[in-house]
Amino acid sequence: MATMADVARSAGVSVATVSHVLNGTRPVLPHTRQAVLDAVEELGYTPNTLARSLVTSRTRSIGLAVSAISNPYFTEILQGVEAAALEHGYGLLIADPHDDPRHEREVVRLLHERRVDGVIVAPSADPRGLVAYLGRHRVPTVFLDRVVDGAAEDGAPPFDQVCAEGTGPTSRLVTHLAGLGHRRIGLVAGRPGLSTTRERITGYRHGLATAGLPWDERLVVHGDSEAAGGERATGALLSLSVPPTALVTANNAMTIGALRALRERRLSVPGDLALCCFDDFAWADLFSPRLTAVAQPSREIGARAVRLLLDRLAEPDRPGRTERLPCAFVHRTSCGCPERAGRSELSELSELSE
């Protein structure tokens, strides 16, 4: 098995230079760096990551805790995290917290015990135990998709956060439906306690106010961010004495549930009920009708979370940052608009002004 000394001899440099190239601990001239990398490739040298971690106190690994298995939106985020991590020479350890506060804290503890350099977490609706653990153990952390208000406690390191804009894009869906003549617009909202749920309800209310429509709490039913919950919530809305004529679903899983509820009642979209959804997904363009949606920059959210975490590792004491990335309005036909020639129309959405 090739050693670092073998690589140094082959590249005509010192062992220290090989170490600097492989660990990124000091700038090296481009031609020297390439000579080292060529020698590594030719000799099939594999760095001893365990030994390196004992010297540097870093494992070059990142822990990711998201519900990727049950939610395709998080699968796209995972792809963004993985690509960015590999680009910077980091491995990825993945755990699914199942959106459960106790399980969330446990899986993050296990990741931390495996000496990851930092963690990226999509927090649950009640992240108090998680935040306390991360602060107590000073774990470099980035929250993604859902933000945690006042996350860092006194004396604890600041947390970074990255998510998509939620309020303005939801408002746009509501005003779009109102512009098509709808006066009773229902919302299938997400799980109570999540920041994404709060923001999308705020956007829904803002959209109603902009369109001059009254707020009616009966038109908002929580679907708990799951397909089964979305189906139940849609059924409840359709059972109202005066049901909505249009519906906004607040994530992709609940959109699937809403479509099941409509199919069970043999109601058509958009003939019987217009539909717009928050979250675009790969097959949304294949439905008939094609789904009008807000598309989140899922992969960019994941990639940005990695960059924020690496910045935090480089500057542990810098102030925390919260970044919100713009969404896109994907105009298709489930809202009741006619089919347009060519591809779906996309327009970038900006967050509402304060």
Protein backbone atom coordinates (compact mmCIF):
# COMPACT_ATOMS: atom_id res chain seq x y z
CA MET A 1 0.00 0.00 0.00
CA ALA A 2 1.40 3.40 -0.99
CA THR A 3 2.38 5.81 1.76
CA MET A 4 2.57 9.60 1.91
CA ALA A 5 6.36 9.29 1.63
CA ASP A 6 5.93 7.34 -1.63
CA VAL A 7 3.74 10.12 -2.99
CA ALA A 8 6.32 12.73 -1.96
CA ARG A 9 9.15 10.85 -3.74
CA SER A 10 7.08 10.39 -6.89
CA ALA A 11 6.06 14.05 -7.02
CA GLY A 12 9.54 15.31 -6.09
CA VAL A 13 8.30 17.25 -3.05
CA SER A 14 8.46 16.97 0.73
CA VAL A 15 6.03 14.95 2.84
CA ALA A 16 4.90 18.24 4.39
CA THR A 17 3.91 19.55 0.95
CA VAL A 18 1.88 16.41 0.26
CA SER A 19 0.13 16.91 3.59
CA HIS A 20 -0.68 20.54 2.77
CA VAL A 21 -2.15 19.56 -0.61
CA LEU A 22 -4.29 16.75 0.76
CA ASN A 23 -5.47 18.63 3.86
CA GLY A 24 -5.74 22.10 2.39
CA THR A 25 -3.75 23.51 5.30
CA ARG A 26 -1.50 25.85 3.30
CA PRO A 27 -1.52 27.34 -0.22
CA VAL A 28 0.60 25.35 -2.70
CA LEU A 29 1.69 26.41 -6.19
CA PRO A 30 -0.72 25.06 -8.85
CA HIS A 31 1.90 22.98 -10.70
CA THR A 32 3.16 21.48 -7.42
CA ARG A 33 -0.39 20.68 -6.31
CA GLN A 34 -1.08 18.97 -9.64
CA ALA A 35 2.13 16.93 -9.37
CA VAL A 36 1.03 15.68 -5.96
CA LEU A 37 -2.46 14.81 -7.18
CA ASP A 38 -1.02 12.99 -10.20
CA ALA A 39 1.24 10.96 -7.90
CA VAL A 40 -1.70 10.13 -5.65
CA GLU A 41 -3.66 8.88 -8.66
CA GLU A 42 -0.75 6.92 -10.13
CA LEU A 43 0.14 5.20 -6.86
CA GLY A 44 -3.43 4.68 -5.71
CA TYR A 45 -2.68 6.39 -2.41
CA THR A 46 -5.58 6.56 0.06
CA PRO A 47 -5.21 8.99 3.00
CA ASN A 48 -5.67 7.56 6.48
CA THR A 49 -8.62 9.69 7.56
CA LEU A 50 -8.55 8.35 11.12
CA ALA A 51 -4.92 9.33 11.59
CA ARG A 52 -5.54 12.68 9.96
CA SER A 53 -8.47 13.40 12.28
CA LEU A 54 -6.30 12.70 15.33
CA VAL A 55 -3.85 15.36 14.14
CA THR A 56 -6.29 17.98 12.86
CA SER A 57 -9.29 17.32 15.20
CA ARG A 58 -11.38 17.27 12.02
CA THR A 59 -12.95 14.28 10.29
CA ARG A 60 -13.95 16.13 7.10
CA SER A 61 -17.44 14.75 7.53
CA ILE A 62 -20.83 16.48 7.84
CA GLY A 63 -23.92 15.14 9.57
CA LEU A 64 -27.24 15.69 7.78
CA ALA A 65 -30.54 15.18 9.62
CA VAL A 66 -33.54 15.54 7.30
CA SER A 67 -36.63 13.46 6.57
CA ALA A 68 -35.33 12.58 3.12
CA ILE A 69 -36.90 9.14 2.92
CA SER A 70 -40.47 10.31 3.44
CA ASN A 71 -40.35 13.63 1.58
CA PRO A 72 -39.09 13.97 -2.02
CA TYR A 73 -38.44 17.68 -1.44
CA PHE A 74 -35.75 16.79 1.08
CA THR A 75 -34.33 14.24 -1.35
CA GLU A 76 -33.47 17.10 -3.71
CA ILE A 77 -31.96 19.06 -0.81
CA LEU A 78 -29.88 15.99 0.06
CA GLN A 79 -28.53 15.91 -3.49
CA GLY A 80 -27.47 19.54 -3.16
CA VAL A 81 -25.79 18.91 0.18
CA GLU A 82 -23.95 15.83 -1.09
CA ALA A 83 -22.66 17.52 -4.24
CA ALA A 84 -21.38 20.56 -2.35
CA ALA A 85 -19.83 18.43 0.40
CA LEU A 86 -17.96 16.25 -2.09
CA GLU A 87 -16.81 19.32 -3.98
CA HIS A 88 -15.08 20.50 -0.81
CA GLY A 89 -13.71 17.09 0.16
CA TYR A 90 -16.26 16.22 2.83
CA GLY A 91 -18.14 12.99 3.40
CA LEU A 92 -21.76 12.84 4.50
CA LEU A 93 -23.46 10.92 7.33
CA ILE A 94 -27.25 10.94 6.99
CA ALA A 95 -29.98 10.36 9.58
CA ASP A 96 -33.76 10.67 9.33
CA PRO A 97 -35.31 12.46 12.36
CA HIS A 98 -38.87 11.67 11.17
CA ASP A 99 -39.94 15.21 12.17
CA ASP A 100 -40.13 13.94 15.77
CA PRO A 101 -38.50 16.17 18.44
CA ARG A 102 -37.19 13.28 20.58
CA HIS A 103 -35.91 11.26 17.65
CA GLU A 104 -34.41 14.42 16.17
CA ARG A 105 -32.29 15.06 19.25
CA GLU A 106 -31.22 11.41 19.40
CA VAL A 107 -30.03 11.19 15.79
CA VAL A 108 -28.15 14.48 16.08
CA ARG A 109 -26.49 13.20 19.27
CA LEU A 110 -25.40 10.07 17.41
CA LEU A 111 -24.00 12.13 14.55
CA HIS A 112 -22.14 14.30 17.03
CA GLU A 113 -20.69 11.25 18.78
CA ARG A 114 -19.32 10.12 15.43
CA ARG A 115 -17.25 13.30 15.46
CA VAL A 116 -18.73 14.99 12.41
CA ASP A 117 -17.26 18.48 11.97
CA GLY A 118 -20.75 20.01 11.96
CA VAL A 119 -24.39 19.24 11.30
CA ILE A 120 -27.08 20.42 8.91
CA VAL A 121 -30.60 19.92 10.28
CA ALA A 122 -34.18 20.52 9.13
CA PRO A 123 -35.64 21.18 12.61
CA SER A 124 -38.94 19.77 13.84
CA ALA A 125 -41.93 21.78 15.02
CA ASP A 126 -40.53 21.73 18.58
CA PRO A 127 -36.72 22.03 18.34
CA ARG A 128 -36.09 23.27 21.89
CA GLY A 129 -34.33 20.10 23.02
CA LEU A 130 -32.26 20.03 19.83
CA VAL A 131 -31.21 23.67 20.16
CA ALA A 132 -30.26 23.15 23.81
CA TYR A 133 -28.10 20.12 22.94
CA LEU A 134 -26.35 21.87 20.04
CA GLY A 135 -25.68 24.96 22.12
CA ARG A 136 -24.45 23.04 25.16
CA HIS A 137 -21.97 21.03 23.08
CA ARG A 138 -21.12 23.94 20.77
CA VAL A 139 -21.81 21.93 17.62
CA PRO A 140 -21.35 23.98 14.41
CA THR A 141 -24.85 23.91 12.94
CA VAL A 142 -26.89 25.10 9.97
CA PHE A 143 -30.68 24.87 10.04
CA LEU A 144 -32.23 24.45 6.61
CA ASP A 145 -35.73 24.81 5.17
CA ARG A 146 -37.23 25.74 8.56
CA VAL A 147 -35.87 28.61 10.62
CA VAL A 148 -35.71 28.72 14.40
CA ASP A 149 -36.46 32.12 15.91
CA GLY A 150 -33.95 33.18 18.53
CA ALA A 151 -32.09 29.91 18.07
CA ALA A 152 -28.86 30.74 19.89
CA GLU A 153 -29.09 31.10 23.67
CA ASP A 154 -26.88 33.45 25.67
CA GLY A 155 -23.31 32.21 25.64
CA ALA A 156 -24.02 29.61 22.92
CA PRO A 157 -22.48 29.80 19.45
CA PRO A 158 -24.71 31.38 16.80
CA PHE A 159 -26.52 29.19 14.29
CA ASP A 160 -26.77 29.80 10.56
CA GLN A 161 -29.98 29.19 8.65
CA VAL A 162 -31.00 28.89 4.99
CA CYS A 163 -34.47 28.48 3.54
CA ALA A 164 -36.71 29.47 0.65
CA GLU A 165 -38.93 32.51 0.81
CA GLY A 166 -42.41 31.48 1.93
CA THR A 167 -44.70 34.43 2.49
CA GLY A 168 -44.53 36.25 -0.85
CA PRO A 169 -44.78 33.15 -3.05
CA THR A 170 -47.87 31.88 -1.19
CA SER A 171 -49.45 35.30 -1.52
CA ARG A 172 -48.81 35.12 -5.26
CA LEU A 173 -50.71 31.83 -5.55
CA VAL A 174 -53.71 33.33 -3.75
CA THR A 175 -53.80 36.54 -5.79
CA HIS A 176 -53.44 34.51 -8.98
CA LEU A 177 -56.51 32.45 -8.10
CA ALA A 178 -58.40 35.56 -7.00
CA GLY A 179 -57.56 37.15 -10.34
CA LEU A 180 -59.30 34.23 -12.03
CA GLY A 181 -62.49 35.09 -10.17
CA HIS A 182 -62.30 32.83 -7.11
CA ARG A 183 -63.72 34.26 -3.90
CA ARG A 184 -63.48 31.22 -1.60
CA ILE A 185 -59.92 29.95 -1.65
CA GLY A 186 -58.98 27.18 0.78
CA LEU A 187 -55.54 26.45 2.22
CA VAL A 188 -54.24 23.00 3.17
CA ALA A 189 -51.60 24.15 5.66
CA GLY A 190 -48.62 22.24 7.03
CA ARG A 191 -47.79 20.95 10.48
CA PRO A 192 -48.46 23.48 13.27
CA GLY A 193 -45.27 24.82 14.83
CA LEU A 194 -43.12 24.73 11.69
CA SER A 195 -41.83 28.10 10.47
CA THR A 196 -42.79 27.11 6.93
CA THR A 197 -46.39 26.61 8.06
CA ARG A 198 -46.52 30.01 9.78
CA GLU A 199 -45.00 31.80 6.80
CA ARG A 200 -47.32 30.24 4.25
CA ILE A 201 -50.40 31.02 6.34
CA THR A 202 -49.15 34.60 6.60
CA GLY A 203 -48.70 34.69 2.83
CA TYR A 204 -52.20 33.26 2.33
CA ARG A 205 -53.71 35.97 4.53
CA HIS A 206 -51.70 38.66 2.77
CA GLY A 207 -52.90 37.38 -0.59
CA LEU A 208 -56.52 37.53 0.58
CA ALA A 209 -56.06 41.09 1.82
CA THR A 210 -54.38 42.16 -1.43
CA ALA A 211 -57.29 40.72 -3.41
CA GLY A 212 -59.86 42.33 -1.11
CA LEU A 213 -61.14 38.97 0.15
CA PRO A 214 -62.19 38.33 3.77
CA TRP A 215 -60.30 36.03 6.14
CA ASP A 216 -62.31 32.93 7.06
CA GLU A 217 -60.54 30.58 9.47
CA ARG A 218 -62.75 27.69 8.31
CA LEU A 219 -60.95 27.79 4.96
CA VAL A 220 -57.60 26.89 6.56
CA VAL A 221 -57.16 23.25 7.60
CA HIS A 222 -53.86 21.70 8.68
CA GLY A 223 -52.72 18.69 6.69
CA ASP A 224 -49.64 18.14 8.90
CA SER A 225 -47.28 18.25 5.89
CA GLU A 226 -48.17 14.64 4.92
CA ALA A 227 -50.16 13.06 2.09
CA ALA A 228 -52.69 11.41 4.43
CA GLY A 229 -53.15 14.67 6.30
CA GLY A 230 -53.58 16.56 3.05
CA GLU A 231 -56.28 14.13 2.00
CA ARG A 232 -58.13 14.57 5.30
CA ALA A 233 -57.80 18.35 5.20
CA THR A 234 -59.10 18.54 1.64
CA GLY A 235 -62.05 16.36 2.59
CA ALA A 236 -62.85 18.70 5.48
CA LEU A 237 -62.76 21.74 3.20
CA LEU A 238 -65.00 20.06 0.63
CA SER A 239 -67.48 19.19 3.39
CA LEU A 240 -68.11 22.81 4.32
CA SER A 241 -71.61 24.10 3.69
CA VAL A 242 -70.05 26.51 1.20
CA PRO A 243 -66.86 24.77 0.04
CA PRO A 244 -63.98 26.58 -1.65
CA THR A 245 -63.81 26.84 -5.42
CA ALA A 246 -60.00 26.92 -5.38
CA LEU A 247 -57.33 25.35 -3.22
CA VAL A 248 -53.72 26.08 -2.28
CA THR A 249 -51.72 23.15 -0.91
CA ALA A 250 -48.69 24.07 1.17
CA ASN A 251 -46.30 21.26 0.18
CA ASN A 252 -45.90 18.47 -2.37
CA ALA A 253 -47.01 15.61 -0.09
CA MET A 254 -50.25 17.39 0.77
CA THR A 255 -50.82 18.07 -2.94
CA ILE A 256 -50.83 14.31 -3.53
CA GLY A 257 -53.29 13.89 -0.67
CA ALA A 258 -55.55 16.62 -2.05
CA LEU A 259 -55.61 14.98 -5.47
CA ARG A 260 -56.58 11.66 -3.86
CA ALA A 261 -59.46 13.35 -2.02
CA LEU A 262 -60.69 14.95 -5.23
CA ARG A 263 -60.46 11.69 -7.17
CA GLU A 264 -62.40 9.86 -4.46
CA ARG A 265 -65.19 12.40 -4.86
CA ARG A 266 -64.91 12.32 -8.65
CA LEU A 267 -64.16 16.02 -8.79
CA SER A 268 -62.04 17.35 -11.62
CA VAL A 269 -59.24 19.93 -11.61
CA PRO A 270 -59.72 22.69 -12.58
CA GLY A 271 -63.32 22.10 -13.68
CA ASP A 272 -64.71 21.53 -10.20
CA LEU A 273 -61.85 22.97 -8.16
CA ALA A 274 -58.84 25.05 -9.19
CA LEU A 275 -55.57 23.97 -7.59
CA CYS A 276 -52.22 25.65 -6.96
CA CYS A 277 -49.45 24.11 -4.88
CA PHE A 278 -46.37 25.17 -2.95
CA ASP A 279 -43.52 22.87 -4.04
CA ASP A 280 -42.92 21.85 -7.59
CA PHE A 281 -41.74 18.29 -8.19
CA ALA A 282 -40.39 16.27 -11.06
CA TRP A 283 -43.69 14.80 -12.22
CA ALA A 284 -45.89 17.90 -11.68
CA ASP A 285 -45.64 18.62 -15.40
CA LEU A 286 -46.96 15.12 -16.20
CA PHE A 287 -50.29 15.43 -14.35
CA SER A 288 -53.41 16.22 -16.30
CA PRO A 289 -53.96 19.05 -15.79
CA ARG A 290 -50.40 20.17 -15.26
CA LEU A 291 -49.86 21.63 -11.78
CA THR A 292 -49.38 25.36 -11.28
CA ALA A 293 -46.84 25.59 -8.48
CA VAL A 294 -44.23 27.51 -6.55
CA ALA A 295 -40.84 25.90 -7.17
CA GLN A 296 -38.30 26.07 -4.37
CA PRO A 297 -34.54 26.07 -5.15
CA SER A 298 -34.10 22.78 -3.28
CA ARG A 299 -30.63 21.82 -4.45
CA GLU A 300 -29.33 25.35 -3.99
CA ILE A 301 -30.67 25.37 -0.43
CA GLY A 302 -28.66 22.20 0.25
CA ALA A 303 -25.52 23.54 -1.40
CA ARG A 304 -25.82 26.86 0.41
CA ALA A 305 -26.18 25.06 3.75
CA VAL A 306 -22.82 23.37 3.16
CA ARG A 307 -21.14 26.68 2.31
CA LEU A 308 -22.57 28.29 5.44
CA LEU A 309 -21.31 25.39 7.56
CA LEU A 310 -17.81 25.59 6.07
CA ASP A 311 -17.79 29.34 6.70
CA ARG A 312 -18.79 28.64 10.31
CA LEU A 313 -15.95 26.11 10.70
CA ALA A 314 -13.52 28.71 9.38
CA GLU A 315 -14.92 31.51 11.57
CA PRO A 316 -16.56 29.95 14.65
CA ASP A 317 -17.33 33.29 16.33
CA ARG A 318 -18.81 35.27 13.46
CA PRO A 319 -22.45 36.40 13.78
CA GLY A 320 -25.13 33.97 12.64
CA ARG A 321 -26.68 34.45 9.21
CA THR A 322 -30.15 33.64 7.89
CA GLU A 323 -30.42 33.45 4.11
CA ARG A 324 -33.68 33.26 2.17
CA LEU A 325 -33.53 32.16 -1.45
CA PRO A 326 -36.12 33.21 -4.05
CA CYS A 327 -38.71 30.82 -5.44
CA ALA A 328 -40.18 30.64 -8.95
CA PHE A 329 -43.84 30.71 -10.01
CA VAL A 330 -44.43 27.87 -12.48
CA HIS A 331 -47.56 28.72 -14.46
CA ARG A 332 -49.34 25.65 -15.79
CA THR A 333 -53.03 24.70 -16.07
CA SER A 334 -54.40 23.28 -12.78
CA CYS A 335 -55.31 26.85 -11.77
CA GLY A 336 -57.77 27.06 -14.66
CA CYS A 337 -55.64 28.98 -17.11
CA PRO A 338 -55.57 27.69 -20.70
CA GLU A 339 -52.74 25.56 -22.01
CA ARG A 340 -49.93 27.68 -23.42
CA ALA A 341 -47.73 26.72 -26.32
CA GLY A 342 -44.23 25.60 -25.38
CA ARG A 343 -42.88 25.09 -21.89
CA SER A 344 -44.36 26.15 -18.58
CA GLU A 345 -43.93 29.81 -17.75
CA LEU A 346 -41.48 30.53 -14.92
CA SER A 347 -41.11 33.83 -13.12
CA GLU A 348 -38.97 34.55 -10.08
CA LEU A 349 -40.83 35.53 -6.93
CA SER A 350 -39.53 38.02 -4.39
CA GLU A 351 -40.42 38.06 -0.72
CA LEU A 352 -42.94 40.61 0.50
CA SER A 353 -41.53 43.88 1.76
CA GLU A 354 -41.60 44.36 5.50
